Protein backbone atom coordinates (compact mmCIF):
# COMPACT_ATOMS: atom_id res chain seq x y z
CA MET A 1 138.15 92.29 -7.56
CA ARG A 2 141.35 92.41 -4.38
CA ARG A 3 142.07 96.33 -5.26
CA LYS A 4 138.48 97.60 -5.88
CA THR A 5 137.78 96.19 -2.55
CA LEU A 6 140.71 97.86 -1.70
CA VAL A 7 139.77 100.90 -3.13
CA LEU A 8 136.35 100.88 -1.99
CA LEU A 9 136.99 100.31 2.53
CA GLY A 10 139.74 103.66 1.54
CA LEU A 11 136.47 105.33 0.50
CA LEU A 12 134.81 104.17 3.62
CA ALA A 13 137.36 105.46 5.92
CA VAL A 14 137.99 109.30 3.70
CA PHE A 15 133.95 109.41 5.05
CA SER A 16 133.87 108.52 7.70
CA ILE A 17 136.81 110.63 8.95
CA THR A 18 134.82 114.22 7.64
CA LEU A 19 131.43 112.71 9.02
CA GLY A 20 133.20 112.71 12.29
CA ALA A 21 135.02 116.06 11.54
CA PHE A 22 131.86 117.47 10.16
CA TYR A 23 129.68 116.44 13.37
CA SER A 24 132.43 117.54 15.60
CA ARG A 25 132.53 120.38 15.06
CA ARG A 26 128.88 120.79 15.39
CA GLY A 27 128.32 119.56 18.97
CA GLY A 28 131.24 121.67 19.87
CA ALA A 29 129.95 125.33 18.87
CA ALA A 30 131.44 127.89 20.78
CA PRO A 31 130.14 130.15 23.13
CA GLU A 32 128.23 133.87 22.71
CA LEU A 33 128.91 136.08 24.78
CA ALA A 34 126.48 138.73 26.46
CA THR A 35 127.34 142.67 25.71
CA ALA A 36 125.51 145.67 28.16
CA ALA A 37 127.05 149.32 26.36
CA VAL A 38 128.76 151.59 28.69
CA SER A 39 127.24 154.43 29.47
CA ARG A 40 126.44 157.75 32.26
CA GLY A 41 124.15 158.43 34.78
CA SER A 42 124.18 158.00 38.08
CA ILE A 43 124.85 155.83 40.70
CA VAL A 44 123.73 155.61 44.18
CA THR A 45 124.12 153.49 46.77
CA VAL A 46 121.54 152.63 49.29
CA VAL A 47 121.21 151.37 53.05
CA SER A 48 118.25 149.85 53.22
CA ALA A 49 116.46 149.34 56.85
CA THR A 50 113.15 150.06 58.74
CA GLY A 51 111.98 152.56 61.47
CA THR A 52 108.70 153.10 63.33
CA LEU A 53 107.08 156.51 63.11
CA GLN A 54 106.42 158.95 65.84
CA PRO A 55 106.22 162.58 66.44
CA VAL A 56 108.81 164.88 67.81
CA THR A 57 107.41 165.78 70.70
CA ASN A 58 105.14 162.65 72.75
CA VAL A 59 104.02 163.72 76.19
CA GLN A 60 102.39 161.23 78.51
CA VAL A 61 100.00 163.24 80.97
CA GLY A 62 100.04 160.97 83.86
CA ALA A 63 98.10 161.19 86.95
CA GLN A 64 99.82 162.68 90.82
CA VAL A 65 96.42 161.85 93.25
CA THR A 66 94.02 158.64 93.54
CA GLY A 67 90.12 159.35 93.15
CA ILE A 68 87.52 158.11 90.24
CA VAL A 69 87.27 159.80 87.01
CA GLU A 70 84.61 162.55 87.06
CA SER A 71 84.54 164.07 83.24
CA LEU A 72 86.49 164.02 80.58
CA GLY A 73 87.30 167.25 78.79
CA ALA A 74 89.00 165.68 75.60
CA ASP A 75 88.72 162.81 73.58
CA PHE A 76 90.41 160.95 70.66
CA ASN A 77 92.23 162.65 68.01
CA ALA A 78 91.23 165.66 70.16
CA ILE A 79 92.48 169.25 69.54
CA VAL A 80 94.07 170.58 73.02
CA HIS A 81 95.40 174.10 74.03
CA LYS A 82 97.85 174.07 76.66
CA GLY A 83 96.33 174.35 80.14
CA GLN A 84 92.71 172.87 78.04
CA VAL A 85 91.13 170.65 81.21
CA LEU A 86 92.07 167.06 79.60
CA ALA A 87 89.99 164.95 82.98
CA LYS A 88 88.48 165.81 86.28
CA LEU A 89 89.50 163.42 89.21
CA ASP A 90 85.69 162.90 92.15
CA GLN A 91 86.98 165.71 94.38
CA SER A 92 85.02 164.91 97.28
CA THR A 93 88.08 162.87 99.83
CA PHE A 94 90.31 166.05 98.53
CA LEU A 95 87.81 169.07 100.04
CA SER A 96 87.36 167.10 103.19
CA SER A 97 91.44 166.94 103.35
CA LEU A 98 91.73 170.59 102.76
CA GLU A 99 88.98 171.27 105.10
CA GLN A 100 90.57 169.50 108.28
CA ALA A 101 93.61 171.55 107.23
CA ARG A 102 91.78 174.36 107.64
CA ALA A 103 90.84 173.85 110.84
CA SER A 104 94.16 173.21 111.60
CA LEU A 105 95.78 176.58 110.37
CA ASP A 106 93.40 178.39 113.16
CA GLY A 107 93.77 175.74 116.13
CA ALA A 108 97.53 176.69 115.68
CA GLU A 109 96.74 180.21 115.63
CA ALA A 110 94.66 180.24 118.74
CA ASP A 111 97.44 178.73 120.09
CA ALA A 112 99.79 181.08 118.92
CA SER A 113 97.88 183.89 119.91
CA ARG A 114 97.64 182.36 123.42
CA LEU A 115 101.46 181.81 123.76
CA ARG A 116 102.06 185.61 122.98
CA VAL A 117 99.67 186.81 125.56
CA ALA A 118 101.49 183.87 128.67
CA LYS A 119 104.70 185.53 127.07
CA SER A 120 103.22 189.15 127.27
CA ALA A 121 102.17 188.15 130.62
CA ALA A 122 105.82 186.09 131.53
CA ASP A 123 107.33 189.88 130.58
CA VAL A 124 105.65 191.48 132.96
CA ALA A 125 106.09 189.93 135.80
CA LEU A 126 109.55 189.04 135.31
CA ALA A 127 109.72 192.72 134.92
CA ARG A 128 107.65 193.93 138.13
CA ALA A 129 110.28 190.97 140.03
CA ARG A 130 113.64 192.36 139.05
CA GLU A 131 113.04 195.96 140.39
CA LEU A 132 111.58 194.73 143.31
CA SER A 133 115.07 192.22 144.25
CA ALA A 134 116.39 196.04 142.85
CA ARG A 135 115.10 197.38 145.87
CA GLN A 136 115.60 193.86 147.93
CA LEU A 137 112.33 193.47 148.35
CA LEU A 138 112.42 190.07 146.82
CA PRO A 139 113.96 186.76 147.38
CA ALA A 140 116.87 186.44 144.66
CA GLN A 141 114.99 182.41 143.58
CA ASP A 142 111.31 185.44 143.11
CA LEU A 143 113.90 186.54 140.64
CA GLN A 144 115.07 183.46 138.81
CA SER A 145 111.87 181.62 138.66
CA ALA A 146 110.37 184.92 137.16
CA GLU A 147 113.53 184.65 134.37
CA THR A 148 112.27 181.21 133.39
CA ASP A 149 109.13 181.42 133.57
CA ALA A 150 109.87 184.43 130.65
CA ARG A 151 112.17 182.03 128.54
CA THR A 152 109.74 179.36 129.22
CA ALA A 153 106.94 181.25 127.39
CA ALA A 154 108.98 183.08 124.72
CA ALA A 155 110.26 178.97 123.52
CA ASN A 156 106.28 178.27 123.38
CA VAL A 157 105.88 181.21 121.41
CA THR A 158 108.66 180.56 119.00
CA GLY A 159 106.47 176.92 119.06
CA GLY A 160 103.14 178.37 118.66
CA ASP A 161 104.69 179.75 115.75
CA ALA A 162 106.63 176.15 114.13
CA LYS A 163 102.88 175.57 114.53
CA VAL A 164 101.16 177.38 112.32
CA GLU A 165 103.85 177.38 110.00
CA GLN A 166 103.39 173.20 110.19
CA ALA A 167 99.59 173.77 109.47
CA LYS A 168 100.07 176.39 106.41
CA ALA A 169 101.88 173.49 104.65
CA ALA A 170 99.22 171.95 105.64
CA VAL A 171 96.72 173.96 103.61
CA ARG A 172 98.71 174.34 101.31
CA MET A 173 99.38 170.62 99.99
CA ALA A 174 95.42 169.56 100.57
CA GLN A 175 95.30 172.47 98.42
CA VAL A 176 97.44 171.44 95.67
CA ASN A 177 95.81 167.47 95.80
CA LEU A 178 93.10 169.56 95.08
CA ASP A 179 94.11 170.68 92.54
CA LYS A 180 96.19 167.67 91.07
CA THR A 181 92.33 166.13 90.72
CA VAL A 182 91.53 168.45 87.19
CA ILE A 183 94.25 167.36 84.46
CA LEU A 184 95.00 170.64 82.36
CA SER A 185 96.93 169.92 79.14
CA PRO A 186 101.01 170.24 79.50
CA ILE A 187 100.80 171.55 75.73
CA ASP A 188 99.29 172.34 72.57
CA GLY A 189 98.73 169.35 70.16
CA VAL A 190 96.96 166.18 69.59
CA VAL A 191 95.27 163.48 71.86
CA ILE A 192 96.71 160.25 69.82
CA ALA A 193 96.13 157.96 72.93
CA ARG A 194 92.85 158.50 75.61
CA ASN A 195 94.02 155.25 78.92
CA ILE A 196 90.79 156.69 81.24
CA ASP A 197 86.71 156.87 81.29
CA VAL A 198 84.40 158.41 83.09
CA GLY A 199 83.83 155.83 86.28
CA GLN A 200 86.97 154.60 86.12
CA THR A 201 89.63 154.75 89.30
CA VAL A 202 92.54 156.15 88.69
CA SER A 203 95.31 155.02 91.56
CA ALA A 204 98.50 156.84 92.17
CA SER A 205 99.91 154.83 95.18
CA PHE A 206 103.27 153.38 93.68
CA SER A 207 103.44 155.03 90.16
CA ALA A 208 101.81 158.21 88.06
CA PRO A 209 99.28 156.01 85.70
CA THR A 210 99.58 157.49 82.26
CA LEU A 211 95.54 158.75 81.15
CA PHE A 212 96.68 160.57 78.03
CA VAL A 213 99.22 160.71 75.26
CA ILE A 214 99.92 164.11 72.90
CA ALA A 215 101.66 165.30 70.66
CA ALA A 216 102.74 168.66 69.78
CA ASP A 217 103.12 168.40 65.78
CA LEU A 218 101.83 166.38 64.00
CA THR A 219 102.48 167.76 60.56
CA ARG A 220 106.50 166.60 61.79
CA MET A 221 107.69 162.92 62.34
CA GLN A 222 110.17 161.79 63.56
CA LEU A 223 111.09 158.14 62.14
CA SER A 224 112.90 156.46 64.23
CA ALA A 225 115.47 153.45 61.91
CA SER A 226 117.27 150.19 62.84
CA ILE A 227 120.88 150.42 61.61
CA ASP A 228 122.96 147.31 61.96
CA GLU A 229 126.41 147.58 62.93
CA SER A 230 127.88 146.87 59.81
CA ASP A 231 126.14 150.09 58.20
CA LEU A 232 126.16 152.66 60.96
CA GLY A 233 129.85 153.60 59.23
CA GLN A 234 127.89 155.00 56.48
CA VAL A 235 125.22 156.82 58.10
CA GLN A 236 125.83 160.07 59.02
CA SER A 237 123.51 163.25 59.56
CA GLY A 238 122.34 164.96 56.93
CA GLN A 239 121.90 162.44 54.16
CA SER A 240 118.70 161.38 52.25
CA VAL A 241 116.36 159.03 53.25
CA SER A 242 113.38 158.18 51.12
CA PHE A 243 110.48 155.51 52.62
CA THR A 244 107.52 153.78 52.00
CA VAL A 245 104.51 152.78 54.04
CA ASP A 246 102.02 149.69 53.65
CA ALA A 247 99.07 152.16 54.05
CA TYR A 248 100.82 153.85 50.85
CA PRO A 249 102.97 151.36 48.89
CA ASN A 250 103.05 153.43 45.81
CA ARG A 251 104.20 156.63 47.57
CA THR A 252 107.35 157.46 48.24
CA PHE A 253 107.96 159.76 51.82
CA HIS A 254 111.06 161.89 51.83
CA GLY A 255 113.61 163.01 54.89
CA THR A 256 116.60 164.26 56.78
CA VAL A 257 119.14 162.30 58.90
CA THR A 258 119.38 164.56 62.41
CA GLU A 259 121.20 162.03 64.60
CA VAL A 260 122.81 158.52 65.22
CA ARG A 261 122.23 158.00 68.60
CA LEU A 262 124.91 155.38 70.34
CA ASN A 263 122.76 153.74 72.33
CA PRO A 264 122.98 149.93 70.78
CA THR A 265 119.89 147.48 70.94
CA THR A 266 120.95 143.81 70.95
CA VAL A 267 117.60 141.90 69.59
CA SER A 268 119.54 137.92 69.19
CA ASN A 269 122.64 138.55 68.37
CA VAL A 270 122.43 141.14 66.68
CA VAL A 271 123.14 144.99 67.16
CA THR A 272 121.33 148.01 66.21
CA TYR A 273 121.58 151.34 66.37
CA ALA A 274 119.04 153.68 66.49
CA ALA A 275 119.26 156.70 63.21
CA MET A 276 116.55 160.03 64.01
CA ILE A 277 114.72 160.88 60.58
CA ASP A 278 113.64 164.82 60.68
CA ALA A 279 110.34 163.28 58.27
CA PRO A 280 107.83 166.50 57.21
CA ASN A 281 103.62 165.58 57.68
CA PRO A 282 102.01 168.49 56.01
CA THR A 283 99.41 166.64 54.60
CA LEU A 284 98.94 164.20 57.63
CA GLU A 285 99.25 160.75 55.40
CA LEU A 286 101.32 159.78 57.92
CA LYS A 287 100.18 159.04 61.22
CA PRO A 288 102.30 157.63 64.09
CA GLY A 289 103.73 153.60 64.99
CA MET A 290 103.46 153.12 60.71
CA THR A 291 106.47 150.35 59.68
CA ALA A 292 108.13 152.15 57.13
CA THR A 293 111.11 150.61 55.22
CA LEU A 294 113.64 153.13 54.17
CA SER A 295 116.82 153.69 52.25
CA VAL A 296 119.76 156.00 52.93
CA GLU A 297 121.44 157.57 50.47
CA VAL A 298 125.26 157.46 51.28
CA THR A 299 126.60 157.65 48.16
CA ARG A 300 125.62 159.98 45.07
CA ARG A 301 127.44 160.78 41.81
CA ASP A 302 125.51 161.62 38.84
CA ASN A 303 126.49 161.99 35.27
CA VAL A 304 129.77 159.46 36.25
CA LEU A 305 131.06 156.38 33.32
CA ARG A 306 129.70 153.50 34.60
CA VAL A 307 129.04 149.44 33.42
CA PRO A 308 127.23 146.86 34.48
CA ALA A 309 128.63 145.39 38.75
CA ALA A 310 129.04 141.74 36.54
CA ALA A 311 131.40 143.46 33.69
CA LEU A 312 133.93 143.41 36.31
CA ARG A 313 133.21 139.70 37.91
CA TYR A 314 133.41 138.47 34.33
CA LYS A 315 136.49 135.72 33.16
CA PRO A 316 136.61 133.81 30.26
CA ASP A 317 137.42 130.34 30.36
CA ALA A 318 139.22 128.80 27.44
CA ALA A 319 136.72 128.29 25.08
CA VAL A 320 135.84 131.77 25.16
CA LEU A 321 139.31 133.12 24.13
CA ALA A 322 139.86 130.33 21.74
CA GLN A 323 136.79 131.27 19.36
CA TYR A 324 136.66 135.19 20.04
CA ALA A 325 140.43 135.71 20.89
CA GLY A 326 142.23 133.89 18.44
CA GLY A 327 142.92 131.07 21.05
CA ALA A 328 145.52 132.93 23.16
CA ALA A 329 146.16 132.77 26.69
CA ALA A 330 143.93 134.99 29.44
CA PRO A 331 146.27 138.10 30.67
CA ALA A 332 147.23 138.12 34.22
CA ALA A 333 143.95 140.30 35.50
CA ILE A 334 143.78 141.93 38.92
CA PRO A 335 140.04 140.22 39.28
CA GLY A 336 137.30 143.67 39.70
CA LYS A 337 140.06 145.93 37.96
CA THR A 338 139.68 144.28 34.69
CA ILE A 339 136.85 144.91 31.83
CA TRP A 340 136.38 142.69 28.75
CA VAL A 341 135.77 145.09 25.24
CA MET A 342 133.92 143.63 22.18
CA ASN A 343 135.72 144.59 18.82
CA GLY A 344 133.38 143.41 16.24
CA GLN A 345 133.51 139.69 16.50
CA THR A 346 137.76 139.76 18.97
CA ILE A 347 137.27 140.64 22.40
CA ALA A 348 140.22 142.60 25.03
CA PRO A 349 140.53 142.89 28.51
CA VAL A 350 140.90 147.04 29.30
CA ALA A 351 141.85 147.91 33.18
CA VAL A 352 139.77 150.00 34.68
CA THR A 353 139.51 151.70 38.20
CA PRO A 354 136.39 150.98 39.85
CA GLY A 355 134.44 153.30 41.97
CA ALA A 356 131.01 153.75 43.45
CA SER A 357 128.82 151.02 43.08
CA ASP A 358 124.62 150.15 43.65
CA GLY A 359 125.25 146.51 43.11
CA THR A 360 123.71 147.05 39.79
CA TYR A 361 125.68 149.60 38.37
CA THR A 362 129.65 150.47 38.51
CA GLU A 363 131.57 153.82 38.36
CA VAL A 364 134.88 153.82 36.19
CA SER A 365 137.37 155.39 35.85
CA GLY A 366 140.44 155.78 34.41
CA ALA A 367 139.43 153.35 31.17
CA SER A 368 140.76 154.01 27.88
CA VAL A 369 137.57 153.03 26.80
CA GLY A 370 134.33 155.63 25.40
CA GLU A 371 130.60 155.64 26.27
CA GLY A 372 128.43 153.69 24.10
CA ALA A 373 131.67 150.93 24.23
CA LEU A 374 130.08 147.02 24.24
CA VAL A 375 131.47 144.87 27.66
CA VAL A 376 131.27 141.35 28.43
CA THR A 377 128.97 140.61 31.52
CA ARG A 378 128.46 136.93 30.77
CA ALA A 379 128.75 134.25 28.21
CA VAL A 380 125.62 132.11 27.49
CA ALA A 381 125.84 128.11 26.43
CA ALA A 382 125.35 127.32 23.04
CA SER A 383 121.24 126.57 22.76
CA ALA A 384 120.66 122.62 22.29
CA THR A 385 119.07 123.24 19.27
CA SER A 386 122.46 124.37 17.82
CA SER A 387 124.57 121.68 19.73
CA SER A 388 123.08 118.62 19.37
CA PRO A 389 123.26 116.25 15.79
CA SER A 390 119.52 115.04 16.57
CA ALA A 391 118.61 118.52 16.36
CA THR A 392 121.06 119.47 13.17
CA ASN A 393 119.74 118.96 9.45
CA ASN A 394 121.68 115.21 8.76
CA PRO A 395 122.97 115.66 5.15
CA LEU A 396 122.65 111.53 5.21
CA LEU A 397 118.81 111.62 5.73
CA PRO A 398 115.80 112.56 3.19
CA THR A 399 114.06 115.29 3.83
CA ARG A 400 110.61 114.25 5.48
CA PRO A 401 107.39 116.76 3.31
CA GLY A 402 107.03 119.38 5.77
CA GLY A 403 111.22 119.92 7.24
CA ARG A 404 111.40 117.54 8.89
CA GLN A 405 113.95 113.94 8.82
CA GLY A 406 113.90 110.35 8.12
CA ARG A 407 115.50 107.59 7.45
């Protein structure tokens, strides 16, 4: 009886050890590996930014005189030509000023003529006095008086001529002010802003108010983009740009960087620089003031060998090495310069030289792997259904109808 008991206890111990080992293997399932194929393609590195569209040439037309708007010759979106009348101010005040200036000029010229007559008389008197003095028929004091009168008359003529020139300048100024009441277009273009209406008073006492804004050519737009200082070193003239606007979310427009301005702008301790981008607009779909979201193509590599960027970041742990590398320890590798290649059911490290990257793919060179090889990008933990004993078929439990087990 004792012997049977010992045999039964031994069998139970062996069964317990076997069952524990079975569940231990079931609960410690090795992780699965996610792989991706090495491919050939293009890698484009871009710098993202936002900007505002504006005309290449934008002229603000103002007024240099004060007056009431009498009429308008152009409105919003009107196509105007150089010299075309855009607006007229009330001219009554300026006409009066011009007439007064002309009257002053007439008076100054009359005074100048009278002074010339007086000078001629003084010159004749001086000549007679000198003749009489030469005959000793005139006292020396009278001769001096005649000379003084002649010089005074000459000075008066000079002063009269100066007053005539001053009056002429006043007439020209009055004429200029009168001409400035007619606002003319300085260029050929399109009116994109009109800031006045008929009857409105334009005051130019302290500064010239802006009455119209004219864009020279809307078929060529300029995109002013704000480039962060950390990306400034990558942006250069001649680089290609693609951008979108909210008005046409499904369309992509293209342009070229023409200039990176060195004038920094600081907002909330963030420093940005303005990059000017030439944006052709032949269909006039782009409007001044639109906000654009753009990508500047700073690097482009075509037909290069590339791997997912995650493959360069992956480093296997001990469990993966035990399952796929025979338990070998991870070899020394430079982070970002080693990829793990899947060879059947095993993985092996391969040293590579990374190049350009767009965040999704990275160019690699010097690798002993070719196009189509599988590289490990990450390890996927075993699913709960395969690792949990409660979710597996227990051979000790009977199977219920429908495939379920029960006691």
